[in-house]
Amino acid sequence: MIKVRYKMHKRILLIMSVLCLGFVTSSNIEIEYYTSNDTDIPILNFDALEPLLYAESEDIQIVNFWAMWCAPCVKELPVFQEYQRNNPNVKVTLVSLDFPEDVETKLKPFLKKKGITSKVILLDDPDSNSWIDKIDPNWSGAIPFTIIFNSKNRSFHERTFNNITDLKNEINTTINNK
């Protein structure tokens, strides 16, 4: 597993550079969309992402934090893709921790090459020490990190799902309390 916090330090430096140049937003909730071809990848700060981490329905939701530079993350992406393909009622959201400036040149080509069609959101929020603890105080910040939940149950997984059976077992344990 790769520590997110080290990556965030680079983002902090980048953000500070941008702020020094005078590019400041007036809102805490910022949504930027990069659109090309038929793929939209929203770029959210944590305040905008946080509501997506909770559900009011009993439908199963899976939120996976990952990055292109994380080999274990990339290894498990096809597992989520296959599970969603076989279970269309399940909502899978892949939260990329890559750089916003890489959306067009690296992230979209990567997703196309890997055949990933699940919803992808890019989290661009440098205060990882704050939002990691808001998601799960026991999360070290390492990725991959997955949340499986519905309106009644929730589980956190700081590990790689090696195959579809592994993921199915965790979903069954979480949702059905078995």
Protein backbone atom coordinates (compact mmCIF):
# COMPACT_ATOMS: atom_id res chain seq x y z
CA MET A 1 0.00 0.00 0.00
CA ILE A 2 1.14 3.49 -0.76
CA LYS A 3 0.77 6.38 1.64
CA VAL A 4 -1.56 9.12 0.41
CA ARG A 5 -0.02 11.66 2.77
CA TYR A 6 3.27 11.81 0.84
CA LYS A 7 1.37 12.53 -2.36
CA MET A 8 -0.62 15.20 -0.57
CA HIS A 9 2.53 17.10 0.40
CA LYS A 10 3.28 17.51 -3.31
CA ARG A 11 -0.27 18.74 -3.84
CA ILE A 12 0.11 21.24 -1.00
CA LEU A 13 3.20 22.69 -2.69
CA LEU A 14 1.35 22.89 -5.99
CA ILE A 15 -1.67 24.56 -4.39
CA MET A 16 0.51 27.03 -2.53
CA SER A 17 2.23 27.93 -5.80
CA VAL A 18 -1.12 28.53 -7.46
CA LEU A 19 -2.34 30.62 -4.54
CA CYS A 20 0.82 32.71 -4.66
CA LEU A 21 0.05 33.47 -8.29
CA GLY A 22 -3.32 34.84 -7.23
CA PHE A 23 -5.68 32.14 -8.44
CA VAL A 24 -8.06 31.90 -5.51
CA THR A 25 -11.58 30.53 -5.52
CA SER A 26 -14.38 32.13 -3.55
CA SER A 27 -16.14 28.93 -2.53
CA ASN A 28 -15.25 26.00 -0.32
CA ILE A 29 -17.21 23.65 -2.56
CA GLU A 30 -15.68 23.60 -5.98
CA ILE A 31 -16.63 21.30 -8.80
CA GLU A 32 -14.65 21.40 -12.00
CA TYR A 33 -15.46 19.14 -14.93
CA TYR A 34 -13.00 17.96 -17.51
CA THR A 35 -14.89 16.75 -20.54
CA SER A 36 -13.65 15.15 -23.69
CA ASN A 37 -15.14 12.43 -25.81
CA ASP A 38 -17.96 10.99 -23.69
CA THR A 39 -16.28 10.99 -20.27
CA ASP A 40 -16.88 13.53 -17.52
CA ILE A 41 -14.58 13.41 -14.52
CA PRO A 42 -15.65 15.85 -11.83
CA ILE A 43 -12.87 17.34 -9.74
CA LEU A 44 -14.09 17.81 -6.19
CA ASN A 45 -12.73 19.01 -2.91
CA PHE A 46 -13.64 16.95 0.15
CA ASP A 47 -16.65 19.10 1.10
CA ALA A 48 -18.22 18.31 -2.28
CA LEU A 49 -17.25 14.62 -2.13
CA GLU A 50 -18.39 13.92 1.44
CA PRO A 51 -22.15 13.61 0.72
CA LEU A 52 -21.36 10.85 -1.78
CA LEU A 53 -19.92 8.76 1.06
CA TYR A 54 -23.35 8.28 2.63
CA ALA A 55 -26.54 6.64 1.38
CA GLU A 56 -30.20 6.98 2.14
CA SER A 57 -31.14 3.88 0.16
CA GLU A 58 -30.56 0.22 0.78
CA ASP A 59 -28.71 -0.10 -2.54
CA ILE A 60 -25.13 -1.22 -2.18
CA GLN A 61 -22.51 1.43 -2.79
CA ILE A 62 -18.79 0.98 -3.17
CA VAL A 63 -16.38 3.91 -3.00
CA ASN A 64 -12.76 3.13 -3.78
CA PHE A 65 -9.86 5.56 -3.25
CA TRP A 66 -7.06 4.87 -5.72
CA ALA A 67 -4.44 6.39 -8.02
CA MET A 68 -2.81 5.44 -11.32
CA TRP A 69 0.62 5.35 -9.65
CA CYS A 70 -0.57 2.77 -7.07
CA ALA A 71 0.06 -0.75 -8.44
CA PRO A 72 -2.25 -2.54 -5.94
CA CYS A 73 -4.99 -0.01 -6.79
CA VAL A 74 -4.66 -0.64 -10.51
CA LYS A 75 -4.67 -4.39 -9.92
CA GLU A 76 -8.08 -4.30 -8.24
CA LEU A 77 -9.87 -1.94 -10.66
CA PRO A 78 -11.05 -4.82 -12.90
CA VAL A 79 -12.56 -6.50 -9.82
CA PHE A 80 -14.81 -3.48 -9.18
CA GLN A 81 -15.59 -3.19 -12.89
CA GLU A 82 -16.63 -6.85 -13.12
CA TYR A 83 -18.71 -6.68 -9.95
CA GLN A 84 -20.59 -3.62 -11.20
CA ARG A 85 -21.14 -5.22 -14.63
CA ASN A 86 -22.64 -8.32 -12.95
CA ASN A 87 -24.63 -6.26 -10.40
CA PRO A 88 -26.05 -3.18 -12.16
CA ASN A 89 -27.95 -2.16 -9.01
CA VAL A 90 -24.64 -1.55 -7.23
CA LYS A 91 -23.17 1.93 -7.46
CA VAL A 92 -19.37 1.95 -7.80
CA THR A 93 -17.50 5.24 -7.49
CA LEU A 94 -13.75 5.35 -8.05
CA VAL A 95 -12.15 8.33 -6.30
CA SER A 96 -8.88 9.12 -8.01
CA LEU A 97 -6.14 10.85 -6.03
CA ASP A 98 -4.19 11.76 -9.15
CA PHE A 99 -3.37 15.34 -10.18
CA PRO A 100 -6.10 17.42 -11.85
CA GLU A 101 -3.75 18.53 -14.60
CA ASP A 102 -3.35 14.85 -15.60
CA VAL A 103 -7.05 14.21 -16.28
CA GLU A 104 -6.92 14.69 -20.04
CA THR A 105 -3.40 13.50 -20.78
CA LYS A 106 -3.08 10.55 -18.39
CA LEU A 107 -6.23 9.62 -16.44
CA LYS A 108 -8.74 9.43 -19.29
CA PRO A 109 -6.38 7.46 -21.58
CA PHE A 110 -5.58 5.14 -18.65
CA LEU A 111 -9.27 4.45 -17.96
CA LYS A 112 -9.95 3.85 -21.65
CA LYS A 113 -6.99 1.48 -21.99
CA LYS A 114 -8.09 -0.48 -18.89
CA GLY A 115 -11.74 -0.56 -20.00
CA ILE A 116 -12.94 1.15 -16.82
CA THR A 117 -16.46 2.53 -17.24
CA SER A 118 -17.37 2.99 -13.56
CA LYS A 119 -17.99 6.52 -12.32
CA VAL A 120 -14.68 8.28 -11.63
CA ILE A 121 -14.25 11.38 -9.49
CA LEU A 122 -10.96 13.12 -8.86
CA LEU A 123 -10.44 14.32 -5.29
CA ASP A 124 -8.36 17.48 -5.23
CA ASP A 125 -8.09 18.51 -1.59
CA PRO A 126 -4.67 19.06 -0.02
CA ASP A 127 -5.86 18.74 3.59
CA SER A 128 -5.62 14.94 3.61
CA ASN A 129 -4.92 14.81 7.35
CA SER A 130 -8.37 16.28 7.91
CA TRP A 131 -10.46 14.37 5.39
CA ILE A 132 -8.84 10.98 5.97
CA ASP A 133 -9.93 11.09 9.61
CA LYS A 134 -13.43 12.25 8.63
CA ILE A 135 -13.82 9.20 6.42
CA ASP A 136 -12.45 6.73 8.97
CA PRO A 137 -10.31 7.62 12.01
CA ASN A 138 -8.64 4.21 11.69
CA TRP A 139 -7.53 4.81 8.09
CA SER A 140 -3.76 5.34 7.91
CA GLY A 141 -4.06 7.11 4.56
CA ALA A 142 -2.73 4.16 2.56
CA ILE A 143 -4.44 3.23 -0.68
CA PRO A 144 -6.24 1.34 -2.00
CA PHE A 145 -9.01 2.10 0.47
CA THR A 146 -12.60 1.00 -0.06
CA ILE A 147 -15.88 1.80 1.66
CA ILE A 148 -18.78 -0.64 1.20
CA PHE A 149 -22.11 0.65 2.46
CA ASN A 150 -25.82 1.20 2.23
CA SER A 151 -28.19 3.13 4.51
CA LYS A 152 -27.88 0.56 7.31
CA ASN A 153 -24.34 -0.83 7.21
CA ARG A 154 -20.82 0.34 6.43
CA SER A 155 -17.35 -1.20 6.33
CA PHE A 156 -13.87 0.14 5.59
CA HIS A 157 -11.13 -1.80 3.85
CA GLU A 158 -7.52 -0.65 3.71
CA ARG A 159 -6.40 -3.42 1.40
CA THR A 160 -6.56 -4.79 -2.12
CA PHE A 161 -9.44 -6.94 -3.32
CA ASN A 162 -7.70 -9.74 -5.18
CA ASN A 163 -10.71 -11.19 -7.03
CA ILE A 164 -14.47 -11.02 -7.42
CA THR A 165 -15.06 -13.67 -4.73
CA ASP A 166 -13.04 -11.66 -2.24
CA LEU A 167 -15.16 -8.56 -2.95
CA LYS A 168 -18.45 -10.52 -2.87
CA ASN A 169 -17.55 -11.97 0.53
CA GLU A 170 -16.86 -8.52 2.00
CA ILE A 171 -20.05 -7.10 0.54
CA ASN A 172 -22.06 -10.01 1.93
CA THR A 173 -20.43 -9.63 5.33
CA THR A 174 -21.06 -5.87 5.39
CA ILE A 175 -24.57 -5.67 4.01
CA ASN A 176 -25.98 -8.88 5.43
CA ASN A 177 -23.93 -8.84 8.65
CA LYS A 178 -22.76 -12.39 7.98
